[in-house]
Amino acid sequence: MRDIIPDFTDNELWAIETTLRERYGEPKEIQLAESELRLDEHSAELTSCPTVYWTHDNCHFVICKTDDHRYRAQFFYRLYQMFGTGVDEFDNVAECAVTLLQMQADHERKEGEDHPDGA
């Protein structure tokens, strides 16, 4: 059985909030939550992981803490439109947040190029 994963520290939350403020030009409300994740791809066991959640426009973002200094991230629009960062796990929460925001911005830009009329 896995040890309990520690909650986000004040420093980790500060890093995420600072990154969001820099990206959006204003403070962004974050919410603390729990997510159940399969941490081992060879096991069906789910582990409860502390999670930071926020939204911007019609997009939802999550950063899940999977261990001390280990993070996973994704963004989604609808349940069937989920996107990752291309990185399995990060060891730096600020890098995780920056990469997540960049991947979402790249996705939005590509969607705009693919559908210039907004359709």
PDB file of N, CA and C in Angstrom:
ATOM      1  N   MET A   1       0.845  -1.190   0.000  1.00  0.00           N
ATOM      2  CA  MET A   1       0.000   0.000   0.000  1.00  0.00           C
ATOM      3  C   MET A   1       0.883   1.244   0.000  1.00  0.00           C
ATOM      4  N   ARG A   2       0.476   2.234  -0.718  1.00  0.00           N
ATOM      5  CA  ARG A   2       1.217   3.470  -0.904  1.00  0.00           C
ATOM      6  C   ARG A   2       0.996   4.401   0.283  1.00  0.00           C
ATOM      7  N   ASP A   3       2.065   5.146   0.634  1.00  0.00           N
ATOM      8  CA  ASP A   3       1.920   6.167   1.662  1.00  0.00           C
ATOM      9  C   ASP A   3       0.987   7.264   1.170  1.00  0.00           C
ATOM     10  N   ILE A   4       0.432   7.999   2.092  1.00  0.00           N
ATOM     11  CA  ILE A   4      -0.434   9.120   1.736  1.00  0.00           C
ATOM     12  C   ILE A   4       0.419  10.221   1.103  1.00  0.00           C
ATOM     13  N   ILE A   5      -0.062  10.753   0.022  1.00  0.00           N
ATOM     14  CA  ILE A   5       0.656  11.819  -0.677  1.00  0.00           C
ATOM     15  C   ILE A   5       0.394  13.129   0.058  1.00  0.00           C
ATOM     16  N   PRO A   6       1.447  13.869   0.371  1.00  0.00           N
ATOM     17  CA  PRO A   6       1.258  15.117   1.118  1.00  0.00           C
ATOM     18  C   PRO A   6       0.522  16.167   0.286  1.00  0.00           C
ATOM     19  N   ASP A   7      -0.229  17.012   0.981  1.00  0.00           N
ATOM     20  CA  ASP A   7      -0.920  18.113   0.313  1.00  0.00           C
ATOM     21  C   ASP A   7       0.083  19.071  -0.313  1.00  0.00           C
ATOM     22  N   PHE A   8      -0.411  19.926  -1.193  1.00  0.00           N
ATOM     23  CA  PHE A   8       0.423  20.979  -1.757  1.00  0.00           C
ATOM     24  C   PHE A   8       0.903  21.883  -0.620  1.00  0.00           C
ATOM     25  N   THR A   9       2.156  22.256  -0.672  1.00  0.00           N
ATOM     26  CA  THR A   9       2.699  23.174   0.326  1.00  0.00           C
ATOM     27  C   THR A   9       2.340  24.611  -0.047  1.00  0.00           C
ATOM     28  N   ASP A  10       2.509  25.525   0.889  1.00  0.00           N
ATOM     29  CA  ASP A  10       2.284  26.943   0.593  1.00  0.00           C
ATOM     30  C   ASP A  10       3.195  27.408  -0.534  1.00  0.00           C
ATOM     31  N   ASN A  11       4.439  26.928  -0.560  1.00  0.00           N
ATOM     32  CA  ASN A  11       5.375  27.318  -1.630  1.00  0.00           C
ATOM     33  C   ASN A  11       4.918  26.802  -2.994  1.00  0.00           C
ATOM     34  N   GLU A  12       4.411  25.584  -3.032  1.00  0.00           N
ATOM     35  CA  GLU A  12       3.913  25.033  -4.298  1.00  0.00           C
ATOM     36  C   GLU A  12       2.698  25.823  -4.786  1.00  0.00           C
ATOM     37  N   LEU A  13       1.785  26.134  -3.873  1.00  0.00           N
ATOM     38  CA  LEU A  13       0.606  26.918  -4.251  1.00  0.00           C
ATOM     39  C   LEU A  13       1.003  28.311  -4.711  1.00  0.00           C
ATOM     40  N   TRP A  14       1.977  28.913  -4.031  1.00  0.00           N
ATOM     41  CA  TRP A  14       2.461  30.233  -4.428  1.00  0.00           C
ATOM     42  C   TRP A  14       3.041  30.180  -5.843  1.00  0.00           C
ATOM     43  N   ALA A  15       3.799  29.137  -6.163  1.00  0.00           N
ATOM     44  CA  ALA A  15       4.390  29.000  -7.498  1.00  0.00           C
ATOM     45  C   ALA A  15       3.310  28.889  -8.568  1.00  0.00           C
ATOM     46  N   ILE A  16       2.274  28.124  -8.298  1.00  0.00           N
ATOM     47  CA  ILE A  16       1.175  27.977  -9.261  1.00  0.00           C
ATOM     48  C   ILE A  16       0.436  29.310  -9.412  1.00  0.00           C
ATOM     49  N   GLU A  17       0.064  29.928  -8.286  1.00  0.00           N
ATOM     50  CA  GLU A  17      -0.677  31.195  -8.335  1.00  0.00           C
ATOM     51  C   GLU A  17       0.129  32.288  -9.032  1.00  0.00           C
ATOM     52  N   THR A  18       1.430  32.344  -8.794  1.00  0.00           N
ATOM     53  CA  THR A  18       2.283  33.341  -9.440  1.00  0.00           C
ATOM     54  C   THR A  18       2.348  33.104 -10.940  1.00  0.00           C
ATOM     55  N   THR A  19       2.475  31.862 -11.341  1.00  0.00           N
ATOM     56  CA  THR A  19       2.500  31.514 -12.765  1.00  0.00           C
ATOM     57  C   THR A  19       1.193  31.914 -13.441  1.00  0.00           C
ATOM     58  N   LEU A  20       0.065  31.655 -12.780  1.00  0.00           N
ATOM     59  CA  LEU A  20      -1.235  32.017 -13.360  1.00  0.00           C
ATOM     60  C   LEU A  20      -1.398  33.527 -13.446  1.00  0.00           C
ATOM     61  N   ARG A  21      -0.958  34.249 -12.428  1.00  0.00           N
ATOM     62  CA  ARG A  21      -1.049  35.711 -12.437  1.00  0.00           C
ATOM     63  C   ARG A  21      -0.207  36.284 -13.583  1.00  0.00           C
ATOM     64  N   GLU A  22       0.971  35.728 -13.793  1.00  0.00           N
ATOM     65  CA  GLU A  22       1.825  36.181 -14.899  1.00  0.00           C
ATOM     66  C   GLU A  22       1.177  35.874 -16.243  1.00  0.00           C
ATOM     67  N   ARG A  23       0.556  34.717 -16.381  1.00  0.00           N
ATOM     68  CA  ARG A  23      -0.064  34.311 -17.648  1.00  0.00           C
ATOM     69  C   ARG A  23      -1.311  35.133 -17.967  1.00  0.00           C
ATOM     70  N   TYR A  24      -2.167  35.343 -16.973  1.00  0.00           N
ATOM     71  CA  TYR A  24      -3.453  35.986 -17.222  1.00  0.00           C
ATOM     72  C   TYR A  24      -3.472  37.472 -16.879  1.00  0.00           C
ATOM     73  N   GLY A  25      -2.431  37.975 -16.233  1.00  0.00           N
ATOM     74  CA  GLY A  25      -2.366  39.395 -15.900  1.00  0.00           C
ATOM     75  C   GLY A  25      -3.208  39.791 -14.706  1.00  0.00           C
ATOM     76  N   GLU A  26      -3.734  38.812 -14.006  1.00  0.00           N
ATOM     77  CA  GLU A  26      -4.537  39.049 -12.804  1.00  0.00           C
ATOM     78  C   GLU A  26      -4.576  37.770 -11.993  1.00  0.00           C
ATOM     79  N   PRO A  27      -4.902  37.876 -10.711  1.00  0.00           N
ATOM     80  CA  PRO A  27      -4.991  36.644  -9.910  1.00  0.00           C
ATOM     81  C   PRO A  27      -6.085  35.723 -10.446  1.00  0.00           C
ATOM     82  N   LYS A  28      -5.852  34.444 -10.357  1.00  0.00           N
ATOM     83  CA  LYS A  28      -6.813  33.434 -10.793  1.00  0.00           C
ATOM     84  C   LYS A  28      -7.201  32.600  -9.583  1.00  0.00           C
ATOM     85  N   GLU A  29      -8.487  32.376  -9.391  1.00  0.00           N
ATOM     86  CA  GLU A  29      -8.928  31.561  -8.267  1.00  0.00           C
ATOM     87  C   GLU A  29      -8.612  30.099  -8.539  1.00  0.00           C
ATOM     88  N   ILE A  30      -7.924  29.472  -7.599  1.00  0.00           N
ATOM     89  CA  ILE A  30      -7.670  28.049  -7.698  1.00  0.00           C
ATOM     90  C   ILE A  30      -8.475  27.338  -6.619  1.00  0.00           C
ATOM     91  N   GLN A  31      -8.771  26.091  -6.874  1.00  0.00           N
ATOM     92  CA  GLN A  31      -9.490  25.275  -5.914  1.00  0.00           C
ATOM     93  C   GLN A  31      -8.659  24.040  -5.611  1.00  0.00           C
ATOM     94  N   LEU A  32      -8.680  23.627  -4.354  1.00  0.00           N
ATOM     95  CA  LEU A  32      -8.008  22.395  -3.958  1.00  0.00           C
ATOM     96  C   LEU A  32      -9.012  21.255  -4.015  1.00  0.00           C
ATOM     97  N   ALA A  33      -8.564  20.138  -4.536  1.00  0.00           N
ATOM     98  CA  ALA A  33      -9.444  18.984  -4.709  1.00  0.00           C
ATOM     99  C   ALA A  33      -8.625  17.708  -4.527  1.00  0.00           C
ATOM    100  N   GLU A  34      -9.264  16.592  -4.741  1.00  0.00           N
ATOM    101  CA  GLU A  34      -8.605  15.284  -4.738  1.00  0.00           C
ATOM    102  C   GLU A  34      -8.967  14.584  -6.039  1.00  0.00           C
ATOM    103  N   SER A  35      -8.000  13.902  -6.621  1.00  0.00           N
ATOM    104  CA  SER A  35      -8.230  13.097  -7.822  1.00  0.00           C
ATOM    105  C   SER A  35      -7.736  11.688  -7.552  1.00  0.00           C
ATOM    106  N   GLU A  36      -8.408  10.722  -8.123  1.00  0.00           N
ATOM    107  CA  GLU A  36      -7.940   9.353  -8.023  1.00  0.00           C
ATOM    108  C   GLU A  36      -7.218   9.004  -9.314  1.00  0.00           C
ATOM    109  N   LEU A  37      -5.953   8.636  -9.185  1.00  0.00           N
ATOM    110  CA  LEU A  37      -5.128   8.335 -10.350  1.00  0.00           C
ATOM    111  C   LEU A  37      -4.512   6.956 -10.229  1.00  0.00           C
ATOM    112  N   ARG A  38      -4.269   6.363 -11.382  1.00  0.00           N
ATOM    113  CA  ARG A  38      -3.469   5.139 -11.447  1.00  0.00           C
ATOM    114  C   ARG A  38      -2.018   5.574 -11.548  1.00  0.00           C
ATOM    115  N   LEU A  39      -1.275   5.440 -10.476  1.00  0.00           N
ATOM    116  CA  LEU A  39       0.110   5.887 -10.473  1.00  0.00           C
ATOM    117  C   LEU A  39       1.052   4.871 -11.107  1.00  0.00           C
ATOM    118  N   ASP A  40       0.652   3.618 -11.106  1.00  0.00           N
ATOM    119  CA  ASP A  40       1.436   2.555 -11.724  1.00  0.00           C
ATOM    120  C   ASP A  40       0.638   2.010 -12.901  1.00  0.00           C
ATOM    121  N   GLU A  41       1.178   2.163 -14.097  1.00  0.00           N
ATOM    122  CA  GLU A  41       0.435   1.733 -15.282  1.00  0.00           C
ATOM    123  C   GLU A  41       0.172   0.231 -15.310  1.00  0.00           C
ATOM    124  N   HIS A  42       0.892  -0.534 -14.488  1.00  0.00           N
ATOM    125  CA  HIS A  42       0.724  -1.990 -14.453  1.00  0.00           C
ATOM    126  C   HIS A  42      -0.214  -2.443 -13.343  1.00  0.00           C
ATOM    127  N   SER A  43      -0.855  -1.501 -12.681  1.00  0.00           N
ATOM    128  CA  SER A  43      -1.745  -1.829 -11.570  1.00  0.00           C
ATOM    129  C   SER A  43      -3.082  -1.115 -11.769  1.00  0.00           C
ATOM    130  N   ALA A  44      -4.132  -1.740 -11.304  1.00  0.00           N
ATOM    131  CA  ALA A  44      -5.464  -1.119 -11.372  1.00  0.00           C
ATOM    132  C   ALA A  44      -5.746  -0.269 -10.142  1.00  0.00           C
ATOM    133  N   GLU A  45      -4.820  -0.259  -9.168  1.00  0.00           N
ATOM    134  CA  GLU A  45      -5.014   0.478  -7.923  1.00  0.00           C
ATOM    135  C   GLU A  45      -5.081   1.982  -8.183  1.00  0.00           C
ATOM    136  N   LEU A  46      -6.082   2.620  -7.588  1.00  0.00           N
ATOM    137  CA  LEU A  46      -6.221   4.076  -7.678  1.00  0.00           C
ATOM    138  C   LEU A  46      -5.693   4.701  -6.390  1.00  0.00           C
ATOM    139  N   THR A  47      -5.003   5.830  -6.537  1.00  0.00           N
ATOM    140  CA  THR A  47      -4.440   6.541  -5.400  1.00  0.00           C
ATOM    141  C   THR A  47      -5.042   7.935  -5.352  1.00  0.00           C
ATOM    142  N   SER A  48      -5.460   8.356  -4.183  1.00  0.00           N
ATOM    143  CA  SER A  48      -5.999   9.698  -3.997  1.00  0.00           C
ATOM    144  C   SER A  48      -4.838  10.696  -3.997  1.00  0.00           C
ATOM    145  N   CYS A  49      -4.914  11.686  -4.891  1.00  0.00           N
ATOM    146  CA  CYS A  49      -3.835  12.655  -5.066  1.00  0.00           C
ATOM    147  C   CYS A  49      -4.368  14.077  -4.868  1.00  0.00           C
ATOM    148  N   PRO A  50      -3.656  14.889  -4.085  1.00  0.00           N
ATOM    149  CA  PRO A  50      -4.036  16.304  -3.967  1.00  0.00           C
ATOM    150  C   PRO A  50      -3.998  16.955  -5.355  1.00  0.00           C
ATOM    151  N   THR A  51      -4.970  17.822  -5.607  1.00  0.00           N
ATOM    152  CA  THR A  51      -5.123  18.414  -6.930  1.00  0.00           C
ATOM    153  C   THR A  51      -5.422  19.900  -6.820  1.00  0.00           C
ATOM    154  N   VAL A  52      -4.830  20.667  -7.722  1.00  0.00           N
ATOM    155  CA  VAL A  52      -5.165  22.082  -7.883  1.00  0.00           C
ATOM    156  C   VAL A  52      -5.957  22.191  -9.177  1.00  0.00           C
ATOM    157  N   TYR A  53      -7.074  22.908  -9.117  1.00  0.00           N
ATOM    158  CA  TYR A  53      -7.995  23.033 -10.259  1.00  0.00           C
ATOM    159  C   TYR A  53      -8.311  24.506 -10.485  1.00  0.00           C
ATOM    160  N   TRP A  54      -8.383  24.904 -11.765  1.00  0.00           N
ATOM    161  CA  TRP A  54      -8.869  26.236 -12.106  1.00  0.00           C
ATOM    162  C   TRP A  54      -9.446  26.202 -13.514  1.00  0.00           C
ATOM    163  N   THR A  55     -10.187  27.238 -13.833  1.00  0.00           N
ATOM    164  CA  THR A  55     -10.760  27.366 -15.172  1.00  0.00           C
ATOM    165  C   THR A  55     -10.351  28.709 -15.768  1.00  0.00           C
ATOM    166  N   HIS A  56     -10.370  28.733 -17.075  1.00  0.00           N
ATOM    167  CA  HIS A  56     -10.202  29.981 -17.815  1.00  0.00           C
ATOM    168  C   HIS A  56     -11.016  29.843 -19.088  1.00  0.00           C
ATOM    169  N   ASP A  57     -11.926  30.782 -19.300  1.00  0.00           N
ATOM    170  CA  ASP A  57     -12.875  30.694 -20.412  1.00  0.00           C
ATOM    171  C   ASP A  57     -13.581  29.340 -20.330  1.00  0.00           C
ATOM    172  N   ASN A  58     -13.518  28.549 -21.389  1.00  0.00           N
ATOM    173  CA  ASN A  58     -14.216  27.260 -21.389  1.00  0.00           C
ATOM    174  C   ASN A  58     -13.271  26.090 -21.125  1.00  0.00           C
ATOM    175  N   CYS A  59     -12.077  26.381 -20.596  1.00  0.00           N
ATOM    176  CA  CYS A  59     -11.079  25.344 -20.373  1.00  0.00           C
ATOM    177  C   CYS A  59     -10.878  25.102 -18.875  1.00  0.00           C
ATOM    178  N   HIS A  60     -10.687  23.844 -18.517  1.00  0.00           N
ATOM    179  CA  HIS A  60     -10.447  23.419 -17.140  1.00  0.00           C
ATOM    180  C   HIS A  60      -9.019  22.878 -17.057  1.00  0.00           C
ATOM    181  N   PHE A  61      -8.347  23.162 -15.942  1.00  0.00           N
ATOM    182  CA  PHE A  61      -6.961  22.752 -15.749  1.00  0.00           C
ATOM    183  C   PHE A  61      -6.816  22.018 -14.420  1.00  0.00           C
ATOM    184  N   VAL A  62      -5.971  20.989 -14.391  1.00  0.00           N
ATOM    185  CA  VAL A  62      -5.642  20.316 -13.140  1.00  0.00           C
ATOM    186  C   VAL A  62      -4.148  20.031 -13.078  1.00  0.00           C
ATOM    187  N   ILE A  63      -3.611  20.209 -11.884  1.00  0.00           N
ATOM    188  CA  ILE A  63      -2.272  19.736 -11.557  1.00  0.00           C
ATOM    189  C   ILE A  63      -2.441  18.815 -10.363  1.00  0.00           C
ATOM    190  N   CYS A  64      -2.016  17.576 -10.520  1.00  0.00           N
ATOM    191  CA  CYS A  64      -2.140  16.575  -9.459  1.00  0.00           C
ATOM    192  C   CYS A  64      -0.758  16.299  -8.882  1.00  0.00           C
ATOM    193  N   LYS A  65      -0.696  16.252  -7.575  1.00  0.00           N
ATOM    194  CA  LYS A  65       0.549  15.923  -6.885  1.00  0.00           C
ATOM    195  C   LYS A  65       0.569  14.414  -6.685  1.00  0.00           C
ATOM    196  N   THR A  66       1.575  13.747  -7.237  1.00  0.00           N
ATOM    197  CA  THR A  66       1.633  12.294  -7.186  1.00  0.00           C
ATOM    198  C   THR A  66       2.637  11.774  -6.156  1.00  0.00           C
ATOM    199  N   ASP A  67       3.454  12.668  -5.605  1.00  0.00           N
ATOM    200  CA  ASP A  67       4.428  12.341  -4.568  1.00  0.00           C
ATOM    201  C   ASP A  67       5.134  13.645  -4.206  1.00  0.00           C
ATOM    202  N   ASP A  68       6.066  13.603  -3.269  1.00  0.00           N
ATOM    203  CA  ASP A  68       6.851  14.802  -2.982  1.00  0.00           C
ATOM    204  C   ASP A  68       7.562  15.235  -4.263  1.00  0.00           C
ATOM    205  N   HIS A  69       7.318  16.441  -4.672  1.00  0.00           N
ATOM    206  CA  HIS A  69       7.970  17.018  -5.852  1.00  0.00           C
ATOM    207  C   HIS A  69       7.722  16.207  -7.127  1.00  0.00           C
ATOM    208  N   ARG A  70       6.524  15.655  -7.266  1.00  0.00           N
ATOM    209  CA  ARG A  70       6.113  14.927  -8.475  1.00  0.00           C
ATOM    210  C   ARG A  70       4.707  15.377  -8.830  1.00  0.00           C
ATOM    211  N   TYR A  71       4.504  15.764 -10.109  1.00  0.00           N
ATOM    212  CA  TYR A  71       3.240  16.368 -10.533  1.00  0.00           C
ATOM    213  C   TYR A  71       2.850  15.870 -11.920  1.00  0.00           C
ATOM    214  N   ARG A  72       1.551  15.752 -12.137  1.00  0.00           N
ATOM    215  CA  ARG A  72       0.970  15.462 -13.450  1.00  0.00           C
ATOM    216  C   ARG A  72      -0.032  16.565 -13.747  1.00  0.00           C
ATOM    217  N   ALA A  73      -0.211  16.858 -15.030  1.00  0.00           N
ATOM    218  CA  ALA A  73      -1.113  17.956 -15.389  1.00  0.00           C
ATOM    219  C   ALA A  73      -1.873  17.638 -16.668  1.00  0.00           C
ATOM    220  N   GLN A  74      -3.060  18.227 -16.770  1.00  0.00           N
ATOM    221  CA  GLN A  74      -3.835  18.136 -18.006  1.00  0.00           C
ATOM    222  C   GLN A  74      -4.838  19.269 -18.059  1.00  0.00           C
ATOM    223  N   PHE A  75      -5.329  19.520 -19.262  1.00  0.00           N
ATOM    224  CA  PHE A  75      -6.412  20.479 -19.443  1.00  0.00           C
ATOM    225  C   PHE A  75      -7.490  19.806 -20.265  1.00  0.00           C
ATOM    226  N   PHE A  76      -8.713  20.287 -20.106  1.00  0.00           N
ATOM    227  CA  PHE A  76      -9.811  19.687 -20.838  1.00  0.00           C
ATOM    228  C   PHE A  76     -10.919  20.706 -21.060  1.00  0.00           C
ATOM    229  N   TYR A  77     -11.694  20.434 -22.098  1.00  0.00           N
ATOM    230  CA  TYR A  77     -12.852  21.261 -22.430  1.00  0.00           C
ATOM    231  C   TYR A  77     -14.124  20.515 -22.097  1.00  0.00           C
ATOM    232  N   ARG A  78     -14.202  19.293 -22.523  1.00  0.00           N
ATOM    233  CA  ARG A  78     -15.293  18.382 -22.190  1.00  0.00           C
ATOM    234  C   ARG A  78     -14.638  17.063 -21.806  1.00  0.00           C
ATOM    235  N   LEU A  79     -15.396  16.172 -21.252  1.00  0.00           N
ATOM    236  CA  LEU A  79     -14.805  14.908 -20.805  1.00  0.00           C
ATOM    237  C   LEU A  79     -14.111  14.160 -21.937  1.00  0.00           C
ATOM    238  N   TYR A  80     -14.583  14.327 -23.160  1.00  0.00           N
ATOM    239  CA  TYR A  80     -13.956  13.622 -24.271  1.00  0.00           C
ATOM    240  C   TYR A  80     -12.902  14.481 -24.968  1.00  0.00           C
ATOM    241  N   GLN A  81     -12.606  15.646 -24.445  1.00  0.00           N
ATOM    242  CA  GLN A  81     -11.571  16.518 -24.997  1.00  0.00           C
ATOM    243  C   GLN A  81     -10.533  16.801 -23.916  1.00  0.00           C
ATOM    244  N   MET A  82      -9.762  15.771 -23.567  1.00  0.00           N
ATOM    245  CA  MET A  82      -8.749  15.894 -22.521  1.00  0.00           C
ATOM    246  C   MET A  82      -7.370  15.880 -23.177  1.00  0.00           C
ATOM    247  N   PHE A  83      -6.481  16.738 -22.662  1.00  0.00           N
ATOM    248  CA  PHE A  83      -5.154  16.872 -23.244  1.00  0.00           C
ATOM    249  C   PHE A  83      -4.102  16.908 -22.143  1.00  0.00           C
ATOM    250  N   GLY A  84      -2.988  16.260 -22.392  1.00  0.00           N
ATOM    251  CA  GLY A  84      -1.868  16.277 -21.456  1.00  0.00           C
ATOM    252  C   GLY A  84      -0.783  17.211 -21.951  1.00  0.00           C
ATOM    253  N   THR A  85       0.352  17.108 -21.301  1.00  0.00           N
ATOM    254  CA  THR A  85       1.485  17.973 -21.634  1.00  0.00           C
ATOM    255  C   THR A  85       2.531  17.259 -22.479  1.00  0.00           C
ATOM    256  N   GLY A  86       2.414  15.940 -22.610  1.00  0.00           N
ATOM    257  CA  GLY A  86       3.447  15.163 -23.276  1.00  0.00           C
ATOM    258  C   GLY A  86       4.560  14.749 -22.318  1.00  0.00           C
ATOM    259  N   VAL A  87       4.456  15.176 -21.065  1.00  0.00           N
ATOM    260  CA  VAL A  87       5.428  14.808 -20.028  1.00  0.00           C
ATOM    261  C   VAL A  87       4.689  13.962 -18.996  1.00  0.00           C
ATOM    262  N   ASP A  88       5.219  12.780 -18.713  1.00  0.00           N
ATOM    263  CA  ASP A  88       4.537  11.889 -17.760  1.00  0.00           C
ATOM    264  C   ASP A  88       4.436  12.512 -16.376  1.00  0.00           C
ATOM    265  N   GLU A  89       5.557  12.987 -15.856  1.00  0.00           N
ATOM    266  CA  GLU A  89       5.572  13.635 -14.546  1.00  0.00           C
ATOM    267  C   GLU A  89       6.651  14.706 -14.507  1.00  0.00           C
ATOM    268  N   PHE A  90       6.352  15.751 -13.767  1.00  0.00           N
ATOM    269  CA  PHE A  90       7.293  16.849 -13.549  1.00  0.00           C
ATOM    270  C   PHE A  90       7.859  16.740 -12.146  1.00  0.00           C
ATOM    271  N   ASP A  91       9.062  17.262 -11.944  1.00  0.00           N
ATOM    272  CA  ASP A  91       9.630  17.311 -10.594  1.00  0.00           C
ATOM    273  C   ASP A  91       9.694  18.741 -10.067  1.00  0.00           C
ATOM    274  N   ASN A  92       9.108  19.680 -10.833  1.00  0.00           N
ATOM    275  CA  ASN A  92       9.068  21.087 -10.442  1.00  0.00           C
ATOM    276  C   ASN A  92       7.677  21.616 -10.760  1.00  0.00           C
ATOM    277  N   VAL A  93       6.960  22.095  -9.754  1.00  0.00           N
ATOM    278  CA  VAL A  93       5.568  22.501  -9.954  1.00  0.00           C
ATOM    279  C   VAL A  93       5.456  23.728 -10.854  1.00  0.00           C
ATOM    280  N   ALA A  94       6.404  24.663 -10.778  1.00  0.00           N
ATOM    281  CA  ALA A  94       6.346  25.847 -11.644  1.00  0.00           C
ATOM    282  C   ALA A  94       6.534  25.441 -13.108  1.00  0.00           C
ATOM    283  N   GLU A  95       7.480  24.551 -13.374  1.00  0.00           N
ATOM    284  CA  GLU A  95       7.689  24.060 -14.735  1.00  0.00           C
ATOM    285  C   GLU A  95       6.444  23.332 -15.234  1.00  0.00           C
ATOM    286  N   CYS A  96       5.815  22.579 -14.349  1.00  0.00           N
ATOM    287  CA  CYS A  96       4.583  21.877 -14.680  1.00  0.00           C
ATOM    288  C   CYS A  96       3.498  22.867 -15.104  1.00  0.00           C
ATOM    289  N   ALA A  97       3.295  23.915 -14.308  1.00  0.00           N
ATOM    290  CA  ALA A  97       2.262  24.913 -14.604  1.00  0.00           C
ATOM    291  C   ALA A  97       2.560  25.659 -15.902  1.00  0.00           C
ATOM    292  N   VAL A  98       3.811  26.068 -16.096  1.00  0.00           N
ATOM    293  CA  VAL A  98       4.190  26.793 -17.319  1.00  0.00           C
ATOM    294  C   VAL A  98       3.966  25.912 -18.548  1.00  0.00           C
ATOM    295  N   THR A  99       4.399  24.658 -18.474  1.00  0.00           N
ATOM    296  CA  THR A  99       4.233  23.744 -19.611  1.00  0.00           C
ATOM    297  C   THR A  99       2.758  23.506 -19.898  1.00  0.00           C
ATOM    298  N   LEU A 100       1.955  23.317 -18.866  1.00  0.00           N
ATOM    299  CA  LEU A 100       0.518  23.107 -19.039  1.00  0.00           C
ATOM    300  C   LEU A 100      -0.118  24.304 -19.744  1.00  0.00           C
ATOM    301  N   LEU A 101       0.192  25.506 -19.288  1.00  0.00           N
ATOM    302  CA  LEU A 101      -0.373  26.708 -19.905  1.00  0.00           C
ATOM    303  C   LEU A 101       0.097  26.873 -21.348  1.00  0.00           C
ATOM    304  N   GLN A 102       1.362  26.548 -21.608  1.00  0.00           N
ATOM    305  CA  GLN A 102       1.884  26.660 -22.971  1.00  0.00           C
ATOM    306  C   GLN A 102       1.232  25.652 -23.903  1.00  0.00           C
ATOM    307  N   MET A 103       1.041  24.429 -23.436  1.00  0.00           N
ATOM    308  CA  MET A 103       0.389  23.409 -24.257  1.00  0.00           C
ATOM    309  C   MET A 103      -1.046  23.816 -24.585  1.00  0.00           C
ATOM    310  N   GLN A 104      -1.743  24.394 -23.613  1.00  0.00           N
ATOM    311  CA  GLN A 104      -3.115  24.827 -23.860  1.00  0.00           C
ATOM    312  C   GLN A 104      -3.141  25.994 -24.835  1.00  0.00           C
ATOM    313  N   ALA A 105      -2.222  26.940 -24.702  1.00  0.00           N
ATOM    314  CA  ALA A 105      -2.152  28.073 -25.637  1.00  0.00           C
ATOM    315  C   ALA A 105      -1.832  27.578 -27.045  1.00  0.00           C
ATOM    316  N   ASP A 106      -0.912  26.622 -27.159  1.00  0.00           N
ATOM    317  CA  ASP A 106      -0.585  26.042 -28.469  1.00  0.00           C
ATOM    318  C   ASP A 106      -1.795  25.342 -29.065  1.00  0.00           C
ATOM    319  N   HIS A 107      -2.542  24.632 -28.232  1.00  0.00           N
ATOM    320  CA  HIS A 107      -3.749  23.949 -28.694  1.00  0.00           C
ATOM    321  C   HIS A 107      -4.772  24.959 -29.219  1.00  0.00           C
ATOM    322  N   GLU A 108      -4.987  26.037 -28.465  1.00  0.00           N
ATOM    323  CA  GLU A 108      -5.934  27.079 -28.893  1.00  0.00           C
ATOM    324  C   GLU A 108      -5.504  27.697 -30.224  1.00  0.00           C
ATOM    325  N   ARG A 109      -4.218  27.966 -30.356  1.00  0.00           N
ATOM    326  CA  ARG A 109      -3.695  28.558 -31.592  1.00  0.00           C
ATOM    327  C   ARG A 109      -3.912  27.609 -32.766  1.00  0.00           C
ATOM    328  N   LYS A 110      -3.603  26.325 -32.566  1.00  0.00           N
ATOM    329  CA  LYS A 110      -3.792  25.337 -33.636  1.00  0.00           C
ATOM    330  C   LYS A 110      -5.267  25.208 -34.004  1.00  0.00           C
ATOM    331  N   GLU A 111      -6.136  25.191 -33.002  1.00  0.00           N
ATOM    332  CA  GLU A 111      -7.575  25.115 -33.275  1.00  0.00           C
ATOM    333  C   GLU A 111      -8.027  26.325 -34.086  1.00  0.00           C
ATOM    334  N   GLY A 112      -7.493  27.498 -33.767  1.00  0.00           N
ATOM    335  CA  GLY A 112      -7.829  28.702 -34.518  1.00  0.00           C
ATOM    336  C   GLY A 112      -7.359  28.640 -35.959  1.00  0.00           C
ATOM    337  N   GLU A 113      -6.192  28.024 -36.176  1.00  0.00           N
ATOM    338  CA  GLU A 113      -5.679  27.870 -37.536  1.00  0.00           C
ATOM    339  C   GLU A 113      -6.492  26.848 -38.318  1.00  0.00           C
ATOM    340  N   ASP A 114      -6.903  25.762 -37.646  1.00  0.00           N
ATOM    341  CA  ASP A 114      -7.687  24.720 -38.294  1.00  0.00           C
ATOM    342  C   ASP A 114      -9.123  25.148 -38.594  1.00  0.00           C
ATOM    343  N   HIS A 115      -9.636  26.087 -37.777  1.00  0.00           N
ATOM    344  CA  HIS A 115     -11.018  26.558 -37.924  1.00  0.00           C
ATOM    345  C   HIS A 115     -11.030  28.092 -37.882  1.00  0.00           C
ATOM    346  N   PRO A 116     -10.489  28.755 -38.906  1.00  0.00           N
ATOM    347  CA  PRO A 116     -10.384  30.222 -38.856  1.00  0.00           C
ATOM    348  C   PRO A 116     -11.724  30.936 -38.781  1.00  0.00           C
ATOM    349  N   ASP A 117     -12.815  30.294 -39.177  1.00  0.00           N
ATOM    350  CA  ASP A 117     -14.127  30.936 -39.116  1.00  0.00           C
ATOM    351  C   ASP A 117     -14.795  30.719 -37.762  1.00  0.00           C
ATOM    352  N   GLY A 118     -14.091  30.010 -36.832  1.00  0.00           N
ATOM    353  CA  GLY A 118     -14.650  29.775 -35.505  1.00  0.00           C
ATOM    354  C   GLY A 118     -15.581  28.597 -35.431  1.00  0.00           C
ATOM    355  N   ALA A 119     -15.743  27.866 -36.526  1.00  0.00           N
ATOM    356  CA  ALA A 119     -16.646  26.710 -36.534  1.00  0.00           C
ATOM    357  C   ALA A 119     -15.996  25.491 -35.945  1.00  0.00           C
TER     358      ALA A 119
END
